[in-house]
Amino acid sequence: MIKKNQILTRKEQKPIVFDLFFNKTKELKPLVIFCHGYKGFKDWGAWDLVANTFKNCDLFFVKFNFSHNGGTVEQPIDFPDLEAFAENNYSKELQDLDDLLSYLCSENNSFLNEIDTKNITLIGHSRGGGIATIRANEDNRITKLITWASVSAFGKRTSTTGDLEQWKKDGVKYVLNGRTKQQMPHNYQFYLDYKANKERLNIEKACKNIQIPHLIIHAKDDPSVTFEEAKSLHSWNPKSELFAIKNSDHVFDAKHPWNHNLMPKALQMVTNKSLDFILNH
């Protein structure tokens, strides 16, 4: 069963759009929640192929758009709502993930009888890896953590701290989206939120506290988030497992759109390793 573009409405907050992939069975299925990265969205590239692979292994797979990622309920792909994108920040993404997880584990979820709420894995790609790591440290409902090409420090990202004086003066700065050619706005509130929540948003601190099984997957030649960041994550949690992908990139050789029936070999390796980790821990 595939349920696309489900909507979680919230009081005084933007809705969350999400997809469910699962096989209806009598057995409860481990829950897997996937968090996209910066300038990402749930329908990007080969993510549907990934979701189907998890579904076919009898997992309950959920992917979603962060509420301020720039998509809308009507158009969840790409970035029609740049005003929302400008008002995004790490705290909102953490709240989105918490709200979605709480909904999935609640009686309000009509598919609750399909989910093993005592077996919950977070997967985060890129910036989503940092969000997943912090959430996994804060939330004892989460039993496993997997990061794909994750950042190791929010404070070192140019989206967080670059051009501070000019950013404060202008109130907004822009980042070019090379694919859509949009100038993506970041309001200065992004930096203020980071500063106000710097202790909570410390990925190193979160990593050092994590006690659950933790898998770190990263391409050795990642040009966007270097492999050194994966090594840092692993060093902060020596009990974690570091799995290196050779001769690949930040999105494991996928792209958007992805018009093929099979995912690229590197992404297939990432998916297979993640499945093995979930099913054998």
C-alpha atoms as a PDB file:
ATOM      1  CA  MET A   1       0.000   0.000   0.000  1.00  0.00           C
ATOM      2  CA  ILE A   2       1.246   3.472  -0.918  1.00  0.00           C
ATOM      3  CA  LYS A   3      -0.462   6.583   0.454  1.00  0.00           C
ATOM      4  CA  LYS A   4       0.980   9.736  -1.104  1.00  0.00           C
ATOM      5  CA  ASN A   5       0.542  13.330   0.058  1.00  0.00           C
ATOM      6  CA  GLN A   6      -1.156  12.682   3.366  1.00  0.00           C
ATOM      7  CA  ILE A   7      -1.636  15.856   5.409  1.00  0.00           C
ATOM      8  CA  LEU A   8      -0.966  16.379   9.095  1.00  0.00           C
ATOM      9  CA  THR A   9      -2.720  19.584  10.132  1.00  0.00           C
ATOM     10  CA  ARG A  10      -1.579  21.463  13.242  1.00  0.00           C
ATOM     11  CA  LYS A  11      -2.923  24.419  15.198  1.00  0.00           C
ATOM     12  CA  GLU A  12      -1.200  27.692  14.308  1.00  0.00           C
ATOM     13  CA  GLN A  13       1.489  25.841  12.342  1.00  0.00           C
ATOM     14  CA  LYS A  14       1.917  24.906   8.704  1.00  0.00           C
ATOM     15  CA  PRO A  15       0.767  21.397   7.773  1.00  0.00           C
ATOM     16  CA  ILE A  16       3.170  18.529   7.122  1.00  0.00           C
ATOM     17  CA  VAL A  17       2.789  16.552   3.874  1.00  0.00           C
ATOM     18  CA  PHE A  18       3.935  12.921   4.069  1.00  0.00           C
ATOM     19  CA  ASP A  19       3.901   9.573   2.237  1.00  0.00           C
ATOM     20  CA  LEU A  20       3.309   6.083   3.650  1.00  0.00           C
ATOM     21  CA  PHE A  21       4.755   2.916   2.090  1.00  0.00           C
ATOM     22  CA  PHE A  22       3.843  -0.453   3.641  1.00  0.00           C
ATOM     23  CA  ASN A  23       2.401  -3.903   3.008  1.00  0.00           C
ATOM     24  CA  LYS A  24      -0.788  -4.694   4.900  1.00  0.00           C
ATOM     25  CA  THR A  25      -0.029  -7.740   7.047  1.00  0.00           C
ATOM     26  CA  LYS A  26      -1.080  -9.161  10.394  1.00  0.00           C
ATOM     27  CA  GLU A  27       2.428  -8.552  11.724  1.00  0.00           C
ATOM     28  CA  LEU A  28       3.474  -5.249  13.224  1.00  0.00           C
ATOM     29  CA  LYS A  29       6.154  -3.569  11.135  1.00  0.00           C
ATOM     30  CA  PRO A  30       9.172  -1.538  12.253  1.00  0.00           C
ATOM     31  CA  LEU A  31       8.618   2.160  11.564  1.00  0.00           C
ATOM     32  CA  VAL A  32      11.206   4.027   9.462  1.00  0.00           C
ATOM     33  CA  ILE A  33      10.995   7.814   9.080  1.00  0.00           C
ATOM     34  CA  PHE A  34      13.128   9.523   6.416  1.00  0.00           C
ATOM     35  CA  CYS A  35      14.194  13.177   6.774  1.00  0.00           C
ATOM     36  CA  HIS A  36      15.270  15.023   3.617  1.00  0.00           C
ATOM     37  CA  GLY A  37      18.093  17.550   3.540  1.00  0.00           C
ATOM     38  CA  TYR A  38      18.641  21.211   2.689  1.00  0.00           C
ATOM     39  CA  LYS A  39      16.812  22.252  -0.490  1.00  0.00           C
ATOM     40  CA  GLY A  40      15.336  18.740  -0.490  1.00  0.00           C
ATOM     41  CA  PHE A  41      11.846  17.286  -0.540  1.00  0.00           C
ATOM     42  CA  LYS A  42      10.213  13.893  -0.082  1.00  0.00           C
ATOM     43  CA  ASP A  43       9.662  13.278  -3.817  1.00  0.00           C
ATOM     44  CA  TRP A  44      13.202  14.158  -4.873  1.00  0.00           C
ATOM     45  CA  GLY A  45      14.998  11.882  -7.317  1.00  0.00           C
ATOM     46  CA  ALA A  46      14.939   8.181  -6.432  1.00  0.00           C
ATOM     47  CA  TRP A  47      13.427   8.482  -2.938  1.00  0.00           C
ATOM     48  CA  ASP A  48      10.260   6.670  -4.090  1.00  0.00           C
ATOM     49  CA  LEU A  49      12.371   3.718  -5.240  1.00  0.00           C
ATOM     50  CA  VAL A  50      14.079   3.702  -1.844  1.00  0.00           C
ATOM     51  CA  ALA A  51      10.696   3.781  -0.109  1.00  0.00           C
ATOM     52  CA  ASN A  52       9.391   0.883  -2.193  1.00  0.00           C
ATOM     53  CA  THR A  53      12.446  -1.209  -1.319  1.00  0.00           C
ATOM     54  CA  PHE A  54      11.831  -0.682   2.405  1.00  0.00           C
ATOM     55  CA  LYS A  55       8.132  -1.497   1.911  1.00  0.00           C
ATOM     56  CA  ASN A  56       9.003  -4.740   0.141  1.00  0.00           C
ATOM     57  CA  CYS A  57      11.041  -5.775   3.186  1.00  0.00           C
ATOM     58  CA  ASP A  58       7.932  -5.392   5.366  1.00  0.00           C
ATOM     59  CA  LEU A  59       8.889  -2.106   6.950  1.00  0.00           C
ATOM     60  CA  PHE A  60       6.487   0.813   7.452  1.00  0.00           C
ATOM     61  CA  PHE A  61       8.345   3.597   5.621  1.00  0.00           C
ATOM     62  CA  VAL A  62       7.399   7.269   5.964  1.00  0.00           C
ATOM     63  CA  LYS A  63       8.921  10.231   4.145  1.00  0.00           C
ATOM     64  CA  PHE A  64       7.776  13.796   4.528  1.00  0.00           C
ATOM     65  CA  ASN A  65       8.385  17.414   3.679  1.00  0.00           C
ATOM     66  CA  PHE A  66       9.527  19.668   6.473  1.00  0.00           C
ATOM     67  CA  SER A  67       6.766  22.237   6.863  1.00  0.00           C
ATOM     68  CA  HIS A  68       8.911  25.185   5.752  1.00  0.00           C
ATOM     69  CA  ASN A  69      10.957  23.461   3.031  1.00  0.00           C
ATOM     70  CA  GLY A  70       9.312  25.621   0.344  1.00  0.00           C
ATOM     71  CA  GLY A  71       6.754  23.094  -0.874  1.00  0.00           C
ATOM     72  CA  THR A  72       3.003  23.354  -0.353  1.00  0.00           C
ATOM     73  CA  VAL A  73       0.144  20.910   0.196  1.00  0.00           C
ATOM     74  CA  GLU A  74      -0.974  21.513  -3.396  1.00  0.00           C
ATOM     75  CA  GLN A  75       2.545  21.382  -4.847  1.00  0.00           C
ATOM     76  CA  PRO A  76       4.871  19.342  -2.602  1.00  0.00           C
ATOM     77  CA  ILE A  77       7.585  19.081  -5.269  1.00  0.00           C
ATOM     78  CA  ASP A  78      10.123  21.907  -5.638  1.00  0.00           C
ATOM     79  CA  PHE A  79       9.731  25.321  -4.023  1.00  0.00           C
ATOM     80  CA  PRO A  80       6.608  27.332  -4.880  1.00  0.00           C
ATOM     81  CA  ASP A  81       6.491  28.907  -1.385  1.00  0.00           C
ATOM     82  CA  LEU A  82       9.732  30.809  -0.951  1.00  0.00           C
ATOM     83  CA  GLU A  83       8.222  32.887   1.865  1.00  0.00           C
ATOM     84  CA  ALA A  84       7.918  29.713   3.941  1.00  0.00           C
ATOM     85  CA  PHE A  85      11.449  28.660   2.942  1.00  0.00           C
ATOM     86  CA  ALA A  86      12.746  32.010   4.201  1.00  0.00           C
ATOM     87  CA  GLU A  87      11.170  31.352   7.609  1.00  0.00           C
ATOM     88  CA  ASN A  88      12.557  27.829   8.021  1.00  0.00           C
ATOM     89  CA  ASN A  89      15.006  26.994  10.819  1.00  0.00           C
ATOM     90  CA  TYR A  90      16.410  23.990  12.684  1.00  0.00           C
ATOM     91  CA  SER A  91      13.975  24.314  15.598  1.00  0.00           C
ATOM     92  CA  LYS A  92      10.996  24.120  13.255  1.00  0.00           C
ATOM     93  CA  GLU A  93      12.415  21.003  11.616  1.00  0.00           C
ATOM     94  CA  LEU A  94      12.892  19.336  15.001  1.00  0.00           C
ATOM     95  CA  GLN A  95       9.312  20.216  15.934  1.00  0.00           C
ATOM     96  CA  ASP A  96       8.023  18.870  12.611  1.00  0.00           C
ATOM     97  CA  LEU A  97       9.757  15.546  13.190  1.00  0.00           C
ATOM     98  CA  ASP A  98       8.452  15.321  16.750  1.00  0.00           C
ATOM     99  CA  ASP A  99       4.885  16.120  15.656  1.00  0.00           C
ATOM    100  CA  LEU A 100       4.943  13.595  12.819  1.00  0.00           C
ATOM    101  CA  LEU A 101       6.344  10.846  15.040  1.00  0.00           C
ATOM    102  CA  SER A 102       3.766  11.587  17.742  1.00  0.00           C
ATOM    103  CA  TYR A 103       0.974  11.418  15.158  1.00  0.00           C
ATOM    104  CA  LEU A 104       2.213   8.116  13.688  1.00  0.00           C
ATOM    105  CA  CYS A 105       2.286   6.566  17.178  1.00  0.00           C
ATOM    106  CA  SER A 106      -1.138   7.913  18.165  1.00  0.00           C
ATOM    107  CA  GLU A 107      -4.696   6.599  17.911  1.00  0.00           C
ATOM    108  CA  ASN A 108      -5.327   9.343  15.336  1.00  0.00           C
ATOM    109  CA  ASN A 109      -3.250   7.363  12.830  1.00  0.00           C
ATOM    110  CA  SER A 110      -5.637   4.962  11.123  1.00  0.00           C
ATOM    111  CA  PHE A 111      -2.703   2.676  10.295  1.00  0.00           C
ATOM    112  CA  LEU A 112      -1.428   2.420  13.881  1.00  0.00           C
ATOM    113  CA  ASN A 113      -2.321  -1.285  13.902  1.00  0.00           C
ATOM    114  CA  GLU A 114       0.378  -1.808  11.236  1.00  0.00           C
ATOM    115  CA  ILE A 115       3.226  -0.233  13.226  1.00  0.00           C
ATOM    116  CA  ASP A 116       5.546  -1.614  15.880  1.00  0.00           C
ATOM    117  CA  THR A 117       5.904   1.561  17.944  1.00  0.00           C
ATOM    118  CA  LYS A 118       8.729  -0.040  19.954  1.00  0.00           C
ATOM    119  CA  ASN A 119      10.893  -0.369  16.829  1.00  0.00           C
ATOM    120  CA  ILE A 120      11.463   3.079  15.280  1.00  0.00           C
ATOM    121  CA  THR A 121      14.360   4.070  13.031  1.00  0.00           C
ATOM    122  CA  LEU A 122      15.196   7.589  11.903  1.00  0.00           C
ATOM    123  CA  ILE A 123      17.068   8.054   8.619  1.00  0.00           C
ATOM    124  CA  GLY A 124      18.348  11.524   7.781  1.00  0.00           C
ATOM    125  CA  HIS A 125      20.096  12.707   4.622  1.00  0.00           C
ATOM    126  CA  SER A 126      22.546  15.643   4.726  1.00  0.00           C
ATOM    127  CA  ARG A 127      21.069  18.367   6.953  1.00  0.00           C
ATOM    128  CA  GLY A 128      18.292  15.907   7.782  1.00  0.00           C
ATOM    129  CA  GLY A 129      21.004  13.693   9.254  1.00  0.00           C
ATOM    130  CA  GLY A 130      21.816  16.379  11.794  1.00  0.00           C
ATOM    131  CA  ILE A 131      18.129  16.828  12.634  1.00  0.00           C
ATOM    132  CA  ALA A 132      17.682  13.053  13.009  1.00  0.00           C
ATOM    133  CA  THR A 133      20.747  12.796  15.260  1.00  0.00           C
ATOM    134  CA  ILE A 134      19.530  15.507  17.636  1.00  0.00           C
ATOM    135  CA  ARG A 135      16.001  14.059  17.695  1.00  0.00           C
ATOM    136  CA  ALA A 136      17.333  10.536  18.353  1.00  0.00           C
ATOM    137  CA  ASN A 137      19.258  11.847  21.360  1.00  0.00           C
ATOM    138  CA  GLU A 138      16.197  13.658  22.726  1.00  0.00           C
ATOM    139  CA  ASP A 139      13.484  11.056  22.100  1.00  0.00           C
ATOM    140  CA  ASN A 140      13.516   7.654  23.787  1.00  0.00           C
ATOM    141  CA  ARG A 141      10.879   6.349  21.353  1.00  0.00           C
ATOM    142  CA  ILE A 142      13.601   6.121  18.700  1.00  0.00           C
ATOM    143  CA  THR A 143      15.460   2.794  18.747  1.00  0.00           C
ATOM    144  CA  LYS A 144      17.873   3.135  15.788  1.00  0.00           C
ATOM    145  CA  LEU A 145      19.576   5.995  13.933  1.00  0.00           C
ATOM    146  CA  ILE A 146      20.952   5.998  10.374  1.00  0.00           C
ATOM    147  CA  THR A 147      22.521   9.004   8.680  1.00  0.00           C
ATOM    148  CA  TRP A 148      23.252   9.362   4.980  1.00  0.00           C
ATOM    149  CA  ALA A 149      25.882  11.982   4.046  1.00  0.00           C
ATOM    150  CA  SER A 150      25.133  13.837   7.267  1.00  0.00           C
ATOM    151  CA  VAL A 151      26.538  17.164   8.358  1.00  0.00           C
ATOM    152  CA  SER A 152      28.456  17.119  11.644  1.00  0.00           C
ATOM    153  CA  ALA A 153      27.994  20.734  12.767  1.00  0.00           C
ATOM    154  CA  PHE A 154      25.232  23.203  11.939  1.00  0.00           C
ATOM    155  CA  GLY A 155      27.376  26.164  12.962  1.00  0.00           C
ATOM    156  CA  LYS A 156      29.899  25.437  10.201  1.00  0.00           C
ATOM    157  CA  ARG A 157      27.330  25.541   7.376  1.00  0.00           C
ATOM    158  CA  THR A 158      27.354  28.707   5.259  1.00  0.00           C
ATOM    159  CA  SER A 159      23.538  28.659   5.351  1.00  0.00           C
ATOM    160  CA  THR A 160      23.791  29.170   9.125  1.00  0.00           C
ATOM    161  CA  THR A 161      26.572  31.687   9.593  1.00  0.00           C
ATOM    162  CA  GLY A 162      27.837  33.087   6.273  1.00  0.00           C
ATOM    163  CA  ASP A 163      27.926  36.875   5.599  1.00  0.00           C
ATOM    164  CA  LEU A 164      26.631  37.734   9.071  1.00  0.00           C
ATOM    165  CA  GLU A 165      27.022  41.518   9.027  1.00  0.00           C
ATOM    166  CA  GLN A 166      25.446  41.932   5.600  1.00  0.00           C
ATOM    167  CA  TRP A 167      22.763  39.378   6.465  1.00  0.00           C
ATOM    168  CA  LYS A 168      21.797  41.275   9.612  1.00  0.00           C
ATOM    169  CA  LYS A 169      21.759  44.568   7.740  1.00  0.00           C
ATOM    170  CA  ASP A 170      19.611  43.284   4.856  1.00  0.00           C
ATOM    171  CA  GLY A 171      17.439  40.963   6.941  1.00  0.00           C
ATOM    172  CA  VAL A 172      17.681  38.322   4.211  1.00  0.00           C
ATOM    173  CA  LYS A 173      20.297  36.572   2.084  1.00  0.00           C
ATOM    174  CA  TYR A 174      19.867  34.436  -1.021  1.00  0.00           C
ATOM    175  CA  VAL A 175      21.282  31.110  -2.174  1.00  0.00           C
ATOM    176  CA  LEU A 176      20.988  30.092  -5.822  1.00  0.00           C
ATOM    177  CA  ASN A 177      19.304  26.763  -6.510  1.00  0.00           C
ATOM    178  CA  GLY A 178      21.363  25.502  -9.440  1.00  0.00           C
ATOM    179  CA  ARG A 179      18.625  23.186 -10.709  1.00  0.00           C
ATOM    180  CA  THR A 180      15.534  25.412 -10.468  1.00  0.00           C
ATOM    181  CA  LYS A 181      17.472  28.706 -10.897  1.00  0.00           C
ATOM    182  CA  GLN A 182      15.526  30.199  -7.981  1.00  0.00           C
ATOM    183  CA  GLN A 183      17.126  32.608  -5.549  1.00  0.00           C
ATOM    184  CA  MET A 184      16.287  30.867  -2.261  1.00  0.00           C
ATOM    185  CA  PRO A 185      15.825  33.365   0.600  1.00  0.00           C
ATOM    186  CA  HIS A 186      17.046  32.894   4.171  1.00  0.00           C
ATOM    187  CA  ASN A 187      15.701  35.436   6.627  1.00  0.00           C
ATOM    188  CA  TYR A 188      18.017  36.511   9.433  1.00  0.00           C
ATOM    189  CA  GLN A 189      15.747  34.726  11.922  1.00  0.00           C
ATOM    190  CA  PHE A 190      17.504  31.500  10.824  1.00  0.00           C
ATOM    191  CA  TYR A 191      20.729  32.663  12.456  1.00  0.00           C
ATOM    192  CA  LEU A 192      18.954  34.061  15.506  1.00  0.00           C
ATOM    193  CA  ASP A 193      17.209  30.724  16.061  1.00  0.00           C
ATOM    194  CA  TYR A 194      20.518  28.901  15.789  1.00  0.00           C
ATOM    195  CA  LYS A 195      22.173  31.217  18.315  1.00  0.00           C
ATOM    196  CA  ALA A 196      19.251  30.963  20.742  1.00  0.00           C
ATOM    197  CA  ASN A 197      19.297  27.143  20.560  1.00  0.00           C
ATOM    198  CA  LYS A 198      23.013  26.558  19.994  1.00  0.00           C
ATOM    199  CA  GLU A 199      23.361  24.118  22.898  1.00  0.00           C
ATOM    200  CA  ARG A 200      20.445  21.988  21.741  1.00  0.00           C
ATOM    201  CA  LEU A 201      21.636  22.082  18.124  1.00  0.00           C
ATOM    202  CA  ASN A 202      25.079  20.680  18.979  1.00  0.00           C
ATOM    203  CA  ILE A 203      25.386  17.512  16.862  1.00  0.00           C
ATOM    204  CA  GLU A 204      28.659  16.507  18.555  1.00  0.00           C
ATOM    205  CA  LYS A 205      27.007  16.583  21.972  1.00  0.00           C
ATOM    206  CA  ALA A 206      24.031  14.599  20.687  1.00  0.00           C
ATOM    207  CA  CYS A 207      26.318  11.975  19.097  1.00  0.00           C
ATOM    208  CA  LYS A 208      28.267  11.493  22.322  1.00  0.00           C
ATOM    209  CA  ASN A 209      25.038  10.835  24.232  1.00  0.00           C
ATOM    210  CA  ILE A 210      23.454   8.370  21.802  1.00  0.00           C
ATOM    211  CA  GLN A 211      23.099   4.857  23.211  1.00  0.00           C
ATOM    212  CA  ILE A 212      21.021   3.236  20.447  1.00  0.00           C
ATOM    213  CA  PRO A 213      22.436   1.449  17.359  1.00  0.00           C
ATOM    214  CA  HIS A 214      23.848   4.113  15.036  1.00  0.00           C
ATOM    215  CA  LEU A 215      24.885   3.674  11.394  1.00  0.00           C
ATOM    216  CA  ILE A 216      26.776   6.388   9.491  1.00  0.00           C
ATOM    217  CA  ILE A 217      26.860   6.087   5.672  1.00  0.00           C
ATOM    218  CA  HIS A 218      28.891   8.530   3.611  1.00  0.00           C
ATOM    219  CA  ALA A 219      30.533   8.666   0.182  1.00  0.00           C
ATOM    220  CA  LYS A 220      34.304   9.067   0.404  1.00  0.00           C
ATOM    221  CA  ASP A 221      34.284  11.610  -2.438  1.00  0.00           C
ATOM    222  CA  ASP A 222      31.220  13.607  -1.310  1.00  0.00           C
ATOM    223  CA  PRO A 223      31.853  17.159  -2.633  1.00  0.00           C
ATOM    224  CA  SER A 224      29.103  18.794  -0.550  1.00  0.00           C
ATOM    225  CA  VAL A 225      29.658  17.312   2.917  1.00  0.00           C
ATOM    226  CA  THR A 226      33.144  15.856   3.195  1.00  0.00           C
ATOM    227  CA  PHE A 227      33.898  12.360   4.459  1.00  0.00           C
ATOM    228  CA  GLU A 228      35.788  14.007   7.325  1.00  0.00           C
ATOM    229  CA  GLU A 229      32.411  14.946   8.801  1.00  0.00           C
ATOM    230  CA  ALA A 230      31.382  11.277   8.832  1.00  0.00           C
ATOM    231  CA  LYS A 231      34.646  10.427  10.578  1.00  0.00           C
ATOM    232  CA  SER A 232      33.896  13.082  13.185  1.00  0.00           C
ATOM    233  CA  LEU A 233      30.431  11.634  13.840  1.00  0.00           C
ATOM    234  CA  HIS A 234      31.947   8.174  14.210  1.00  0.00           C
ATOM    235  CA  SER A 235      34.666   9.422  16.583  1.00  0.00           C
ATOM    236  CA  TRP A 236      32.042  11.037  18.833  1.00  0.00           C
ATOM    237  CA  ASN A 237      30.138   7.750  19.051  1.00  0.00           C
ATOM    238  CA  PRO A 238      32.743   4.957  18.763  1.00  0.00           C
ATOM    239  CA  LYS A 239      29.966   2.368  19.119  1.00  0.00           C
ATOM    240  CA  SER A 240      28.517   3.566  15.816  1.00  0.00           C
ATOM    241  CA  GLU A 241      29.229   1.854  12.509  1.00  0.00           C
ATOM    242  CA  LEU A 242      30.809   3.860   9.677  1.00  0.00           C
ATOM    243  CA  PHE A 243      30.098   2.564   6.172  1.00  0.00           C
ATOM    244  CA  ALA A 244      32.013   4.242   3.333  1.00  0.00           C
ATOM    245  CA  ILE A 245      30.775   4.314  -0.263  1.00  0.00           C
ATOM    246  CA  LYS A 246      33.533   4.549  -2.870  1.00  0.00           C
ATOM    247  CA  ASN A 247      33.369   6.564  -6.099  1.00  0.00           C
ATOM    248  CA  SER A 248      30.088   8.319  -5.418  1.00  0.00           C
ATOM    249  CA  ASP A 249      28.709  11.723  -4.438  1.00  0.00           C
ATOM    250  CA  HIS A 250      26.443  13.502  -1.944  1.00  0.00           C
ATOM    251  CA  VAL A 251      23.246  11.902  -3.319  1.00  0.00           C
ATOM    252  CA  PHE A 252      24.808   8.514  -4.107  1.00  0.00           C
ATOM    253  CA  ASP A 253      24.640   9.086  -7.886  1.00  0.00           C
ATOM    254  CA  ALA A 254      20.921   9.909  -7.980  1.00  0.00           C
ATOM    255  CA  LYS A 255      19.546  13.154  -9.402  1.00  0.00           C
ATOM    256  CA  HIS A 256      16.235  14.922  -9.896  1.00  0.00           C
ATOM    257  CA  PRO A 257      14.256  13.972 -11.808  1.00  0.00           C
ATOM    258  CA  TRP A 258      15.160  10.262 -11.754  1.00  0.00           C
ATOM    259  CA  ASN A 259      13.470   8.618 -14.745  1.00  0.00           C
ATOM    260  CA  HIS A 260      14.679   5.042 -14.269  1.00  0.00           C
ATOM    261  CA  ASN A 261      13.071   1.936 -12.822  1.00  0.00           C
ATOM    262  CA  LEU A 262      16.154   1.096 -10.758  1.00  0.00           C
ATOM    263  CA  MET A 263      18.086   3.308  -8.366  1.00  0.00           C
ATOM    264  CA  PRO A 264      21.805   3.915  -8.996  1.00  0.00           C
ATOM    265  CA  LYS A 265      24.195   1.243  -7.687  1.00  0.00           C
ATOM    266  CA  ALA A 266      25.599   3.467  -4.937  1.00  0.00           C
ATOM    267  CA  LEU A 267      22.142   4.324  -3.603  1.00  0.00           C
ATOM    268  CA  GLN A 268      21.192   0.640  -3.800  1.00  0.00           C
ATOM    269  CA  MET A 269      24.220  -0.131  -1.622  1.00  0.00           C
ATOM    270  CA  VAL A 270      23.136   2.545   0.864  1.00  0.00           C
ATOM    271  CA  THR A 271      19.601   1.143   0.934  1.00  0.00           C
ATOM    272  CA  ASN A 272      20.731  -2.471   1.325  1.00  0.00           C
ATOM    273  CA  LYS A 273      23.134  -1.580   4.132  1.00  0.00           C
ATOM    274  CA  SER A 274      20.420   0.383   5.925  1.00  0.00           C
ATOM    275  CA  LEU A 275      17.921  -2.467   5.603  1.00  0.00           C
ATOM    276  CA  ASP A 276      20.431  -4.969   6.922  1.00  0.00           C
ATOM    277  CA  PHE A 277      21.165  -2.686   9.879  1.00  0.00           C
ATOM    278  CA  ILE A 278      17.481  -2.261  10.745  1.00  0.00           C
ATOM    279  CA  LEU A 279      16.522  -5.904  10.360  1.00  0.00           C
ATOM    280  CA  ASN A 280      19.518  -7.342  12.217  1.00  0.00           C
ATOM    281  CA  HIS A 281      19.696  -5.067  15.264  1.00  0.00           C
END
